[in-house]
Amino acid sequence: MEEKIETIKNWLETGSINIFGLPMAGKDTQGIRLAEILGAKFLSSGIIIRAMEQQTRKGYSKDGSLIPTDVFYSWVLPYFERSDLRGYPLILSSIGRWSGEEDQVMSVAAGSGHDIKAAVILNVSEVEAENRYEESKILNDRGDRADDKNIETFRTRIKEFRTKTLPVLQHYKALGLLIEVNGHQLREAVFEEMIDKLYARAIGE
C-alpha cells in the first residue's frame, strides 16, 4: 500500500482528484481519508455551499436542488486560488455537479496549478442510497442539514444527480479521466479499490 501511495503522490503532484457519487455514497468520508493519506487538501462543494447558505441566508439547496451555476461559480471556484492551498494536491468532493460546469472547473483548477488528473465515481444504486439515508436518520449522524430533512428532499437530490451530474461523468469519461469504484463494499474495501485504480492510472495502465 505504501508504495502505491507514493506512486500516486508522484503522479498527482499538485493536481486534483474529483470524487462523485449519489448522496450517501461516501464521497466526503473517502475523500477526507484520501486527502490525509496523500498529504492533500480536501474541498467539498457541499460543505462550502452549506456554509455560504448559512452566511448569506440563502436556501438554494434546501429542497434538494443544485444551486444555480452562477452562484456555484462565485461561491466555490474562488477556493482554487486560496493561498493556503497553493503547492498542495487537492481532493475534491463533487466540485461541478451540473452538466456544463465541468469545463469551467477544469479550467480554473488548471489555472491555479491544480489540474484535474482523475474523476472518481463511487457507484451505489439509488435503492442503496435511500437505505443508507434511512439508517443515517436512525443514527442521527448527519447533523441538521436542510437538504436531508425528509425522504422527498433526498429523492430530489437523487434525481438531480441522475439528470444533471451523470452527464458530467460522461464528459470526464470521454476525456479518459473517469475511474469507477464499487461503492457497495465496506468502507475499507472501497478505499482499497480506489487506491488500486488510482495507482493503475498513475503507472499508465
N, C-alpha and C. Protein backbone atom coordinates (compact mmCIF):
# COMPACT_ATOMS: atom_id res chain seq x y z
N MET A 1 0.83 -1.21 0.00
CA MET A 1 0.00 0.00 0.00
C MET A 1 0.86 1.27 0.00
N GLU A 2 1.93 1.28 0.81
CA GLU A 2 2.77 2.48 0.90
C GLU A 2 3.42 2.81 -0.44
N GLU A 3 3.86 1.78 -1.16
CA GLU A 3 4.48 2.00 -2.47
C GLU A 3 3.46 2.60 -3.45
N LYS A 4 2.24 2.09 -3.40
CA LYS A 4 1.19 2.61 -4.28
C LYS A 4 0.89 4.06 -3.96
N ILE A 5 0.83 4.39 -2.68
CA ILE A 5 0.53 5.76 -2.26
C ILE A 5 1.62 6.71 -2.73
N GLU A 6 2.87 6.32 -2.59
CA GLU A 6 3.98 7.18 -3.04
C GLU A 6 3.93 7.38 -4.55
N THR A 7 3.57 6.33 -5.27
CA THR A 7 3.46 6.44 -6.73
C THR A 7 2.34 7.40 -7.11
N ILE A 8 1.22 7.30 -6.40
CA ILE A 8 0.08 8.21 -6.67
C ILE A 8 0.49 9.65 -6.37
N LYS A 9 1.19 9.86 -5.26
CA LYS A 9 1.65 11.21 -4.90
C LYS A 9 2.53 11.80 -6.00
N ASN A 10 3.47 11.01 -6.50
CA ASN A 10 4.39 11.48 -7.53
C ASN A 10 3.66 11.80 -8.83
N TRP A 11 2.65 11.01 -9.13
CA TRP A 11 1.84 11.25 -10.34
C TRP A 11 0.94 12.47 -10.17
N LEU A 12 0.32 12.60 -9.01
CA LEU A 12 -0.66 13.67 -8.77
C LEU A 12 0.01 15.04 -8.67
N GLU A 13 1.18 15.08 -8.02
CA GLU A 13 1.87 16.35 -7.76
C GLU A 13 0.90 17.33 -7.09
N THR A 14 0.63 18.50 -7.70
CA THR A 14 -0.32 19.45 -7.10
C THR A 14 -1.66 19.42 -7.82
N GLY A 15 -1.92 18.32 -8.51
CA GLY A 15 -3.18 18.19 -9.23
C GLY A 15 -4.35 17.85 -8.33
N SER A 16 -5.50 17.57 -8.95
CA SER A 16 -6.74 17.31 -8.22
C SER A 16 -7.35 15.97 -8.63
N ILE A 17 -8.06 15.38 -7.69
CA ILE A 17 -8.91 14.21 -7.95
C ILE A 17 -10.31 14.61 -7.51
N ASN A 18 -11.27 14.52 -8.41
CA ASN A 18 -12.65 14.94 -8.14
C ASN A 18 -13.52 13.70 -7.91
N ILE A 19 -14.11 13.59 -6.73
CA ILE A 19 -14.89 12.39 -6.36
C ILE A 19 -16.38 12.69 -6.45
N PHE A 20 -17.10 11.82 -7.15
CA PHE A 20 -18.54 11.96 -7.33
C PHE A 20 -19.28 10.73 -6.82
N GLY A 21 -20.58 10.87 -6.68
CA GLY A 21 -21.43 9.75 -6.30
C GLY A 21 -22.77 10.25 -5.84
N LEU A 22 -23.73 9.35 -5.78
CA LEU A 22 -25.04 9.69 -5.24
C LEU A 22 -24.91 10.17 -3.80
N PRO A 23 -25.91 10.88 -3.28
CA PRO A 23 -25.93 11.18 -1.85
C PRO A 23 -25.76 9.88 -1.06
N MET A 24 -24.98 9.91 -0.01
CA MET A 24 -24.71 8.77 0.86
C MET A 24 -23.73 7.77 0.26
N ALA A 25 -23.11 8.11 -0.88
CA ALA A 25 -22.16 7.18 -1.49
C ALA A 25 -20.83 7.13 -0.74
N GLY A 26 -20.57 8.13 0.09
CA GLY A 26 -19.33 8.15 0.87
C GLY A 26 -18.26 9.07 0.31
N LYS A 27 -18.68 10.06 -0.46
CA LYS A 27 -17.71 10.97 -1.12
C LYS A 27 -16.82 11.68 -0.10
N ASP A 28 -17.42 12.30 0.90
CA ASP A 28 -16.63 13.05 1.87
C ASP A 28 -15.81 12.11 2.75
N THR A 29 -16.41 10.99 3.17
CA THR A 29 -15.69 10.03 4.01
C THR A 29 -14.44 9.53 3.31
N GLN A 30 -14.59 9.07 2.08
CA GLN A 30 -13.46 8.55 1.32
C GLN A 30 -12.51 9.68 0.91
N GLY A 31 -13.08 10.84 0.56
CA GLY A 31 -12.25 11.96 0.13
C GLY A 31 -11.36 12.48 1.23
N ILE A 32 -11.90 12.61 2.43
CA ILE A 32 -11.10 13.08 3.57
C ILE A 32 -9.96 12.11 3.86
N ARG A 33 -10.26 10.82 3.83
CA ARG A 33 -9.21 9.83 4.10
C ARG A 33 -8.15 9.86 3.01
N LEU A 34 -8.58 9.98 1.76
CA LEU A 34 -7.63 10.03 0.65
C LEU A 34 -6.73 11.26 0.77
N ALA A 35 -7.33 12.39 1.14
CA ALA A 35 -6.56 13.62 1.31
C ALA A 35 -5.51 13.45 2.41
N GLU A 36 -5.90 12.85 3.50
CA GLU A 36 -4.97 12.65 4.62
C GLU A 36 -3.79 11.78 4.20
N ILE A 37 -4.06 10.72 3.48
CA ILE A 37 -3.01 9.76 3.15
C ILE A 37 -2.09 10.29 2.05
N LEU A 38 -2.61 11.22 1.24
CA LEU A 38 -1.79 11.80 0.15
C LEU A 38 -1.17 13.14 0.53
N GLY A 39 -1.45 13.63 1.73
CA GLY A 39 -0.95 14.94 2.12
C GLY A 39 -1.60 16.05 1.31
N ALA A 40 -2.86 15.86 0.95
CA ALA A 40 -3.60 16.80 0.11
C ALA A 40 -4.57 17.62 0.95
N LYS A 41 -5.13 18.66 0.34
CA LYS A 41 -6.19 19.45 0.95
C LYS A 41 -7.53 18.96 0.40
N PHE A 42 -8.55 18.99 1.25
CA PHE A 42 -9.87 18.48 0.88
C PHE A 42 -10.84 19.64 0.69
N LEU A 43 -11.54 19.63 -0.46
CA LEU A 43 -12.56 20.64 -0.75
C LEU A 43 -13.87 19.94 -1.09
N SER A 44 -14.92 20.24 -0.35
CA SER A 44 -16.23 19.67 -0.62
C SER A 44 -17.19 20.78 -1.05
N SER A 45 -17.79 20.62 -2.22
CA SER A 45 -18.75 21.64 -2.66
C SER A 45 -19.92 21.73 -1.70
N GLY A 46 -20.36 20.57 -1.18
CA GLY A 46 -21.49 20.57 -0.25
C GLY A 46 -21.20 21.36 1.01
N ILE A 47 -20.01 21.15 1.59
CA ILE A 47 -19.64 21.86 2.82
C ILE A 47 -19.54 23.36 2.56
N ILE A 48 -18.91 23.73 1.43
CA ILE A 48 -18.77 25.15 1.09
C ILE A 48 -20.14 25.78 0.89
N ILE A 49 -21.00 25.12 0.15
CA ILE A 49 -22.32 25.67 -0.17
C ILE A 49 -23.17 25.83 1.09
N ARG A 50 -23.16 24.81 1.95
CA ARG A 50 -23.96 24.92 3.17
C ARG A 50 -23.48 26.06 4.05
N ALA A 51 -22.15 26.26 4.11
CA ALA A 51 -21.60 27.36 4.90
C ALA A 51 -22.00 28.70 4.30
N MET A 52 -21.95 28.82 2.97
CA MET A 52 -22.31 30.07 2.31
C MET A 52 -23.81 30.35 2.41
N GLU A 53 -24.61 29.31 2.35
CA GLU A 53 -26.06 29.50 2.51
C GLU A 53 -26.39 30.02 3.90
N GLN A 54 -25.69 29.50 4.88
CA GLN A 54 -25.91 29.98 6.25
C GLN A 54 -25.46 31.43 6.40
N GLN A 55 -24.31 31.73 5.79
CA GLN A 55 -23.75 33.08 5.89
C GLN A 55 -24.62 34.11 5.17
N THR A 56 -25.13 33.76 3.99
CA THR A 56 -25.92 34.69 3.17
C THR A 56 -27.41 34.58 3.41
N ARG A 57 -27.80 33.57 4.19
CA ARG A 57 -29.22 33.29 4.45
C ARG A 57 -29.99 32.97 3.17
N LYS A 58 -29.28 32.35 2.23
CA LYS A 58 -29.89 31.86 1.00
C LYS A 58 -30.12 30.36 1.16
N GLY A 59 -31.23 29.88 0.61
CA GLY A 59 -31.56 28.46 0.76
C GLY A 59 -31.72 27.74 -0.56
N TYR A 60 -30.75 27.96 -1.46
CA TYR A 60 -30.86 27.37 -2.80
C TYR A 60 -31.05 25.86 -2.77
N SER A 61 -30.33 25.18 -1.86
CA SER A 61 -30.31 23.72 -1.90
C SER A 61 -31.23 23.06 -0.88
N LYS A 62 -32.03 23.84 -0.16
CA LYS A 62 -32.82 23.26 0.92
C LYS A 62 -33.87 22.27 0.44
N ASP A 63 -34.29 22.39 -0.84
CA ASP A 63 -35.27 21.44 -1.36
C ASP A 63 -34.60 20.28 -2.09
N GLY A 64 -33.27 20.21 -2.02
CA GLY A 64 -32.53 19.13 -2.67
C GLY A 64 -31.99 19.48 -4.04
N SER A 65 -32.31 20.66 -4.54
CA SER A 65 -31.85 21.06 -5.87
C SER A 65 -30.40 21.54 -5.83
N LEU A 66 -29.73 21.43 -6.96
CA LEU A 66 -28.39 22.01 -7.09
C LEU A 66 -28.51 23.53 -7.15
N ILE A 67 -27.50 24.22 -6.65
CA ILE A 67 -27.54 25.68 -6.68
C ILE A 67 -27.31 26.16 -8.11
N PRO A 68 -27.79 27.36 -8.46
CA PRO A 68 -27.56 27.88 -9.82
C PRO A 68 -26.08 27.95 -10.15
N THR A 69 -25.78 27.74 -11.42
CA THR A 69 -24.39 27.69 -11.86
C THR A 69 -23.64 28.98 -11.55
N ASP A 70 -24.27 30.13 -11.74
CA ASP A 70 -23.56 31.38 -11.47
C ASP A 70 -23.21 31.52 -10.00
N VAL A 71 -24.09 31.02 -9.13
CA VAL A 71 -23.81 31.06 -7.69
C VAL A 71 -22.68 30.08 -7.36
N PHE A 72 -22.73 28.90 -7.96
CA PHE A 72 -21.65 27.92 -7.77
C PHE A 72 -20.30 28.52 -8.16
N TYR A 73 -20.26 29.19 -9.31
CA TYR A 73 -19.01 29.80 -9.75
C TYR A 73 -18.49 30.82 -8.75
N SER A 74 -19.38 31.65 -8.22
CA SER A 74 -18.93 32.73 -7.33
C SER A 74 -18.62 32.24 -5.92
N TRP A 75 -19.26 31.17 -5.48
CA TRP A 75 -19.04 30.66 -4.13
C TRP A 75 -17.90 29.65 -4.04
N VAL A 76 -17.82 28.76 -5.00
CA VAL A 76 -16.92 27.61 -4.87
C VAL A 76 -15.60 27.78 -5.62
N LEU A 77 -15.65 28.25 -6.86
CA LEU A 77 -14.43 28.28 -7.67
C LEU A 77 -13.32 29.15 -7.10
N PRO A 78 -13.62 30.26 -6.40
CA PRO A 78 -12.52 31.05 -5.83
C PRO A 78 -11.63 30.28 -4.86
N TYR A 79 -12.12 29.17 -4.31
CA TYR A 79 -11.31 28.38 -3.39
C TYR A 79 -10.03 27.85 -4.04
N PHE A 80 -10.08 27.60 -5.33
CA PHE A 80 -8.89 27.09 -6.01
C PHE A 80 -7.72 28.05 -5.93
N GLU A 81 -7.99 29.34 -5.77
CA GLU A 81 -6.94 30.35 -5.74
C GLU A 81 -6.45 30.68 -4.33
N ARG A 82 -6.99 30.02 -3.34
CA ARG A 82 -6.59 30.34 -1.96
C ARG A 82 -5.11 30.06 -1.74
N SER A 83 -4.46 31.00 -1.05
CA SER A 83 -3.02 30.88 -0.83
C SER A 83 -2.66 29.67 0.02
N ASP A 84 -3.56 29.27 0.94
CA ASP A 84 -3.26 28.13 1.80
C ASP A 84 -3.36 26.79 1.08
N LEU A 85 -3.86 26.80 -0.16
CA LEU A 85 -3.94 25.57 -0.95
C LEU A 85 -2.82 25.49 -1.97
N ARG A 86 -2.09 26.59 -2.14
CA ARG A 86 -1.05 26.64 -3.16
C ARG A 86 0.06 25.64 -2.83
N GLY A 87 0.44 24.86 -3.84
CA GLY A 87 1.51 23.89 -3.66
C GLY A 87 1.05 22.55 -3.14
N TYR A 88 -0.24 22.39 -2.88
CA TYR A 88 -0.78 21.13 -2.40
C TYR A 88 -1.64 20.47 -3.47
N PRO A 89 -1.68 19.13 -3.49
CA PRO A 89 -2.70 18.46 -4.30
C PRO A 89 -4.06 18.65 -3.62
N LEU A 90 -5.12 18.51 -4.40
CA LEU A 90 -6.47 18.68 -3.87
C LEU A 90 -7.31 17.43 -4.10
N ILE A 91 -8.08 17.07 -3.09
CA ILE A 91 -9.11 16.05 -3.25
C ILE A 91 -10.44 16.78 -3.19
N LEU A 92 -11.19 16.70 -4.26
CA LEU A 92 -12.43 17.43 -4.41
C LEU A 92 -13.63 16.50 -4.22
N SER A 93 -14.64 16.99 -3.56
CA SER A 93 -15.88 16.22 -3.42
C SER A 93 -16.96 16.91 -4.23
N SER A 94 -17.22 16.35 -5.42
CA SER A 94 -18.30 16.81 -6.30
C SER A 94 -18.21 18.31 -6.62
N ILE A 95 -17.06 18.75 -7.07
CA ILE A 95 -16.93 20.13 -7.50
C ILE A 95 -17.35 20.22 -8.97
N GLY A 96 -18.50 20.83 -9.21
CA GLY A 96 -19.05 20.93 -10.55
C GLY A 96 -20.01 19.79 -10.84
N ARG A 97 -21.21 19.86 -10.24
CA ARG A 97 -22.15 18.75 -10.34
C ARG A 97 -23.20 18.93 -11.43
N TRP A 98 -23.24 20.10 -12.04
CA TRP A 98 -24.26 20.37 -13.04
C TRP A 98 -23.61 20.34 -14.41
N SER A 99 -24.18 19.57 -15.33
CA SER A 99 -23.62 19.45 -16.67
C SER A 99 -23.35 20.83 -17.28
N GLY A 100 -22.15 21.00 -17.76
CA GLY A 100 -21.72 22.29 -18.31
C GLY A 100 -20.75 23.01 -17.39
N GLU A 101 -20.76 22.64 -16.09
CA GLU A 101 -19.85 23.30 -15.14
C GLU A 101 -18.45 22.70 -15.19
N GLU A 102 -18.35 21.47 -15.70
CA GLU A 102 -17.08 20.74 -15.60
C GLU A 102 -15.94 21.42 -16.37
N ASP A 103 -16.25 22.00 -17.52
CA ASP A 103 -15.18 22.66 -18.29
C ASP A 103 -14.62 23.87 -17.54
N GLN A 104 -15.50 24.64 -16.91
CA GLN A 104 -15.04 25.80 -16.14
C GLN A 104 -14.25 25.35 -14.91
N VAL A 105 -14.72 24.29 -14.27
CA VAL A 105 -13.99 23.75 -13.11
C VAL A 105 -12.59 23.31 -13.53
N MET A 106 -12.51 22.60 -14.63
CA MET A 106 -11.20 22.12 -15.09
C MET A 106 -10.29 23.28 -15.47
N SER A 107 -10.86 24.31 -16.07
CA SER A 107 -10.07 25.47 -16.47
C SER A 107 -9.52 26.21 -15.25
N VAL A 108 -10.39 26.46 -14.27
CA VAL A 108 -9.97 27.16 -13.06
C VAL A 108 -8.96 26.33 -12.27
N ALA A 109 -9.21 25.03 -12.19
CA ALA A 109 -8.29 24.14 -11.48
C ALA A 109 -6.91 24.18 -12.14
N ALA A 110 -6.87 24.08 -13.46
CA ALA A 110 -5.58 24.11 -14.17
C ALA A 110 -4.90 25.45 -14.01
N GLY A 111 -5.67 26.54 -14.05
CA GLY A 111 -5.12 27.87 -13.92
C GLY A 111 -4.50 28.14 -12.57
N SER A 112 -4.95 27.41 -11.56
CA SER A 112 -4.41 27.60 -10.21
C SER A 112 -3.34 26.57 -9.87
N GLY A 113 -2.97 25.73 -10.86
CA GLY A 113 -1.94 24.73 -10.63
C GLY A 113 -2.45 23.44 -10.06
N HIS A 114 -3.78 23.22 -10.13
CA HIS A 114 -4.39 22.01 -9.58
C HIS A 114 -5.12 21.23 -10.66
N ASP A 115 -4.47 20.95 -11.77
CA ASP A 115 -5.11 20.24 -12.88
C ASP A 115 -5.84 19.00 -12.38
N ILE A 116 -7.02 18.77 -12.90
CA ILE A 116 -7.79 17.58 -12.53
C ILE A 116 -7.21 16.38 -13.27
N LYS A 117 -6.61 15.46 -12.50
CA LYS A 117 -5.94 14.29 -13.06
C LYS A 117 -6.88 13.10 -13.18
N ALA A 118 -7.95 13.08 -12.37
CA ALA A 118 -8.90 11.97 -12.41
C ALA A 118 -10.21 12.40 -11.78
N ALA A 119 -11.29 11.77 -12.24
CA ALA A 119 -12.60 11.91 -11.61
C ALA A 119 -13.03 10.51 -11.19
N VAL A 120 -13.37 10.35 -9.92
CA VAL A 120 -13.76 9.05 -9.37
C VAL A 120 -15.25 9.05 -9.12
N ILE A 121 -15.93 7.98 -9.55
CA ILE A 121 -17.35 7.82 -9.23
C ILE A 121 -17.49 6.62 -8.29
N LEU A 122 -18.05 6.86 -7.12
CA LEU A 122 -18.35 5.79 -6.17
C LEU A 122 -19.74 5.27 -6.51
N ASN A 123 -19.80 4.16 -7.20
CA ASN A 123 -21.08 3.66 -7.71
C ASN A 123 -21.88 2.95 -6.63
N VAL A 124 -23.03 3.51 -6.30
CA VAL A 124 -24.03 2.82 -5.48
C VAL A 124 -25.38 3.00 -6.17
N SER A 125 -26.29 2.06 -5.94
CA SER A 125 -27.61 2.16 -6.55
C SER A 125 -28.46 3.18 -5.81
N GLU A 126 -29.51 3.64 -6.46
CA GLU A 126 -30.43 4.57 -5.81
C GLU A 126 -31.12 3.91 -4.62
N VAL A 127 -31.41 2.62 -4.72
CA VAL A 127 -32.02 1.90 -3.60
C VAL A 127 -31.07 1.88 -2.41
N GLU A 128 -29.80 1.59 -2.66
CA GLU A 128 -28.81 1.58 -1.58
C GLU A 128 -28.65 2.97 -0.97
N ALA A 129 -28.67 4.00 -1.80
CA ALA A 129 -28.56 5.37 -1.28
C ALA A 129 -29.71 5.67 -0.33
N GLU A 130 -30.92 5.28 -0.70
CA GLU A 130 -32.08 5.51 0.17
C GLU A 130 -31.97 4.70 1.46
N ASN A 131 -31.49 3.47 1.35
CA ASN A 131 -31.32 2.64 2.55
C ASN A 131 -30.33 3.29 3.52
N ARG A 132 -29.24 3.80 2.97
CA ARG A 132 -28.25 4.47 3.83
C ARG A 132 -28.82 5.74 4.44
N TYR A 133 -29.67 6.43 3.68
CA TYR A 133 -30.31 7.63 4.22
C TYR A 133 -31.18 7.27 5.42
N GLU A 134 -31.98 6.23 5.28
CA GLU A 134 -32.86 5.82 6.39
C GLU A 134 -32.04 5.41 7.61
N GLU A 135 -30.93 4.72 7.39
CA GLU A 135 -30.07 4.33 8.51
C GLU A 135 -29.46 5.55 9.18
N SER A 136 -29.08 6.54 8.38
CA SER A 136 -28.47 7.75 8.94
C SER A 136 -29.47 8.54 9.78
N LYS A 137 -30.74 8.51 9.40
CA LYS A 137 -31.76 9.21 10.19
C LYS A 137 -31.92 8.55 11.56
N ILE A 138 -31.84 7.22 11.58
CA ILE A 138 -31.93 6.49 12.84
C ILE A 138 -30.72 6.81 13.73
N LEU A 139 -29.54 6.83 13.11
CA LEU A 139 -28.30 7.09 13.85
C LEU A 139 -28.12 8.57 14.17
N ASN A 140 -28.81 9.43 13.41
CA ASN A 140 -28.70 10.89 13.57
C ASN A 140 -27.24 11.33 13.46
N ASP A 141 -26.58 10.85 12.40
CA ASP A 141 -25.15 11.12 12.25
C ASP A 141 -24.84 12.10 11.12
N ARG A 142 -25.85 12.82 10.63
CA ARG A 142 -25.61 13.75 9.52
C ARG A 142 -25.80 15.20 9.94
N GLY A 143 -26.16 15.42 11.19
CA GLY A 143 -26.37 16.79 11.64
C GLY A 143 -27.70 17.33 11.13
N ASP A 144 -27.91 18.62 11.35
CA ASP A 144 -29.17 19.27 10.96
C ASP A 144 -29.01 19.90 9.58
N ARG A 145 -29.10 19.07 8.54
CA ARG A 145 -28.93 19.52 7.17
C ARG A 145 -30.28 19.71 6.50
N ALA A 146 -30.50 20.88 5.93
CA ALA A 146 -31.77 21.16 5.28
C ALA A 146 -32.01 20.24 4.09
N ASP A 147 -30.93 19.88 3.39
CA ASP A 147 -31.11 19.05 2.20
C ASP A 147 -31.28 17.56 2.54
N ASP A 148 -31.27 17.23 3.83
CA ASP A 148 -31.53 15.86 4.29
C ASP A 148 -32.79 15.79 5.15
N LYS A 149 -33.63 16.82 5.12
CA LYS A 149 -34.69 16.93 6.11
C LYS A 149 -35.76 15.84 6.00
N ASN A 150 -36.02 15.36 4.77
CA ASN A 150 -37.02 14.30 4.59
C ASN A 150 -36.71 13.51 3.34
N ILE A 151 -37.39 12.39 3.17
CA ILE A 151 -37.10 11.50 2.06
C ILE A 151 -37.43 12.14 0.71
N GLU A 152 -38.43 13.02 0.67
CA GLU A 152 -38.77 13.68 -0.59
C GLU A 152 -37.62 14.58 -1.05
N THR A 153 -37.06 15.32 -0.11
CA THR A 153 -35.91 16.17 -0.44
C THR A 153 -34.73 15.33 -0.87
N PHE A 154 -34.52 14.22 -0.17
CA PHE A 154 -33.41 13.33 -0.52
C PHE A 154 -33.60 12.76 -1.92
N ARG A 155 -34.82 12.41 -2.26
CA ARG A 155 -35.10 11.87 -3.60
C ARG A 155 -34.90 12.93 -4.68
N THR A 156 -35.13 14.19 -4.33
CA THR A 156 -34.83 15.26 -5.29
C THR A 156 -33.33 15.31 -5.55
N ARG A 157 -32.54 15.13 -4.52
CA ARG A 157 -31.09 15.11 -4.69
C ARG A 157 -30.66 13.96 -5.61
N ILE A 158 -31.31 12.82 -5.45
CA ILE A 158 -31.00 11.68 -6.32
C ILE A 158 -31.37 12.01 -7.77
N LYS A 159 -32.53 12.62 -7.96
CA LYS A 159 -32.96 12.99 -9.31
C LYS A 159 -32.00 14.00 -9.92
N GLU A 160 -31.54 14.96 -9.14
CA GLU A 160 -30.59 15.95 -9.63
C GLU A 160 -29.30 15.27 -10.08
N PHE A 161 -28.86 14.28 -9.33
CA PHE A 161 -27.66 13.54 -9.72
C PHE A 161 -27.90 12.82 -11.04
N ARG A 162 -29.04 12.16 -11.15
CA ARG A 162 -29.34 11.38 -12.35
C ARG A 162 -29.43 12.25 -13.59
N THR A 163 -30.07 13.40 -13.46
CA THR A 163 -30.34 14.23 -14.64
C THR A 163 -29.23 15.24 -14.94
N LYS A 164 -28.54 15.73 -13.91
CA LYS A 164 -27.57 16.80 -14.11
C LYS A 164 -26.11 16.39 -13.94
N THR A 165 -25.86 15.41 -13.05
CA THR A 165 -24.47 15.05 -12.77
C THR A 165 -23.97 13.89 -13.62
N LEU A 166 -24.83 12.95 -13.96
CA LEU A 166 -24.38 11.84 -14.81
C LEU A 166 -23.78 12.33 -16.13
N PRO A 167 -24.35 13.37 -16.77
CA PRO A 167 -23.69 13.89 -17.98
C PRO A 167 -22.29 14.44 -17.71
N VAL A 168 -22.07 15.00 -16.52
CA VAL A 168 -20.73 15.47 -16.15
C VAL A 168 -19.75 14.30 -16.15
N LEU A 169 -20.19 13.18 -15.60
CA LEU A 169 -19.34 12.00 -15.53
C LEU A 169 -19.07 11.43 -16.92
N GLN A 170 -20.06 11.50 -17.79
CA GLN A 170 -19.84 11.05 -19.17
C GLN A 170 -18.79 11.92 -19.86
N HIS A 171 -18.78 13.21 -19.52
CA HIS A 171 -17.78 14.12 -20.09
C HIS A 171 -16.38 13.73 -19.61
N TYR A 172 -16.24 13.47 -18.32
CA TYR A 172 -14.95 13.03 -17.79
C TYR A 172 -14.53 11.70 -18.42
N LYS A 173 -15.51 10.82 -18.63
CA LYS A 173 -15.21 9.53 -19.25
C LYS A 173 -14.69 9.72 -20.67
N ALA A 174 -15.33 10.60 -21.42
CA ALA A 174 -14.90 10.87 -22.79
C ALA A 174 -13.47 11.42 -22.83
N LEU A 175 -13.07 12.12 -21.77
CA LEU A 175 -11.72 12.66 -21.68
C LEU A 175 -10.70 11.65 -21.16
N GLY A 176 -11.20 10.46 -20.82
CA GLY A 176 -10.32 9.42 -20.30
C GLY A 176 -9.92 9.61 -18.86
N LEU A 177 -10.72 10.40 -18.10
CA LEU A 177 -10.37 10.73 -16.71
C LEU A 177 -11.19 9.96 -15.67
N LEU A 178 -12.24 9.26 -16.09
CA LEU A 178 -13.17 8.66 -15.12
C LEU A 178 -12.66 7.32 -14.60
N ILE A 179 -12.72 7.17 -13.29
CA ILE A 179 -12.39 5.91 -12.60
C ILE A 179 -13.63 5.47 -11.83
N GLU A 180 -14.10 4.26 -12.09
CA GLU A 180 -15.30 3.75 -11.43
C GLU A 180 -14.92 2.82 -10.28
N VAL A 181 -15.56 3.04 -9.13
CA VAL A 181 -15.29 2.26 -7.92
C VAL A 181 -16.61 1.71 -7.39
N ASN A 182 -16.61 0.46 -6.99
CA ASN A 182 -17.80 -0.18 -6.43
C ASN A 182 -18.05 0.35 -5.02
N GLY A 183 -19.06 1.19 -4.87
CA GLY A 183 -19.35 1.79 -3.58
C GLY A 183 -20.21 0.94 -2.66
N HIS A 184 -20.60 -0.26 -3.11
CA HIS A 184 -21.44 -1.14 -2.29
C HIS A 184 -20.63 -1.94 -1.28
N GLN A 185 -19.32 -1.86 -1.37
CA GLN A 185 -18.46 -2.62 -0.47
C GLN A 185 -18.34 -1.94 0.90
N LEU A 186 -17.71 -2.63 1.82
CA LEU A 186 -17.37 -2.00 3.10
C LEU A 186 -16.42 -0.84 2.84
N ARG A 187 -16.39 0.14 3.74
CA ARG A 187 -15.59 1.35 3.53
C ARG A 187 -14.14 1.05 3.21
N GLU A 188 -13.54 0.09 3.93
CA GLU A 188 -12.13 -0.21 3.72
C GLU A 188 -11.90 -0.78 2.32
N ALA A 189 -12.83 -1.61 1.88
CA ALA A 189 -12.70 -2.21 0.55
C ALA A 189 -12.87 -1.15 -0.54
N VAL A 190 -13.79 -0.19 -0.31
CA VAL A 190 -13.96 0.91 -1.26
C VAL A 190 -12.66 1.70 -1.37
N PHE A 191 -12.07 1.99 -0.23
CA PHE A 191 -10.83 2.78 -0.23
C PHE A 191 -9.71 2.02 -0.93
N GLU A 192 -9.58 0.75 -0.65
CA GLU A 192 -8.52 -0.04 -1.26
C GLU A 192 -8.69 -0.12 -2.78
N GLU A 193 -9.94 -0.29 -3.24
CA GLU A 193 -10.17 -0.31 -4.68
C GLU A 193 -9.82 1.03 -5.31
N MET A 194 -10.17 2.11 -4.63
CA MET A 194 -9.86 3.44 -5.14
C MET A 194 -8.35 3.63 -5.26
N ILE A 195 -7.60 3.21 -4.24
CA ILE A 195 -6.14 3.30 -4.28
C ILE A 195 -5.58 2.45 -5.42
N ASP A 196 -6.09 1.23 -5.56
CA ASP A 196 -5.60 0.35 -6.62
C ASP A 196 -5.81 0.97 -8.00
N LYS A 197 -6.97 1.57 -8.21
CA LYS A 197 -7.27 2.12 -9.53
C LYS A 197 -6.54 3.43 -9.78
N LEU A 198 -6.33 4.22 -8.74
CA LEU A 198 -5.52 5.42 -8.90
C LEU A 198 -4.06 5.04 -9.18
N TYR A 199 -3.60 4.00 -8.53
CA TYR A 199 -2.24 3.53 -8.78
C TYR A 199 -2.08 3.05 -10.23
N ALA A 200 -3.09 2.32 -10.70
CA ALA A 200 -3.06 1.86 -12.09
C ALA A 200 -3.02 3.04 -13.05
N ARG A 201 -3.79 4.09 -12.73
CA ARG A 201 -3.77 5.29 -13.57
C ARG A 201 -2.38 5.96 -13.49
N ALA A 202 -1.81 5.99 -12.30
CA ALA A 202 -0.51 6.65 -12.12
C ALA A 202 0.60 5.98 -12.91
N ILE A 203 0.53 4.65 -13.07
CA ILE A 203 1.59 3.96 -13.80
C ILE A 203 1.21 3.73 -15.27
N GLY A 204 0.05 4.30 -15.66
CA GLY A 204 -0.31 4.29 -17.06
C GLY A 204 -1.01 3.04 -17.55
N GLU A 205 -1.58 2.26 -16.64
CA GLU A 205 -2.28 1.03 -17.05
C GLU A 205 -3.70 1.35 -17.51
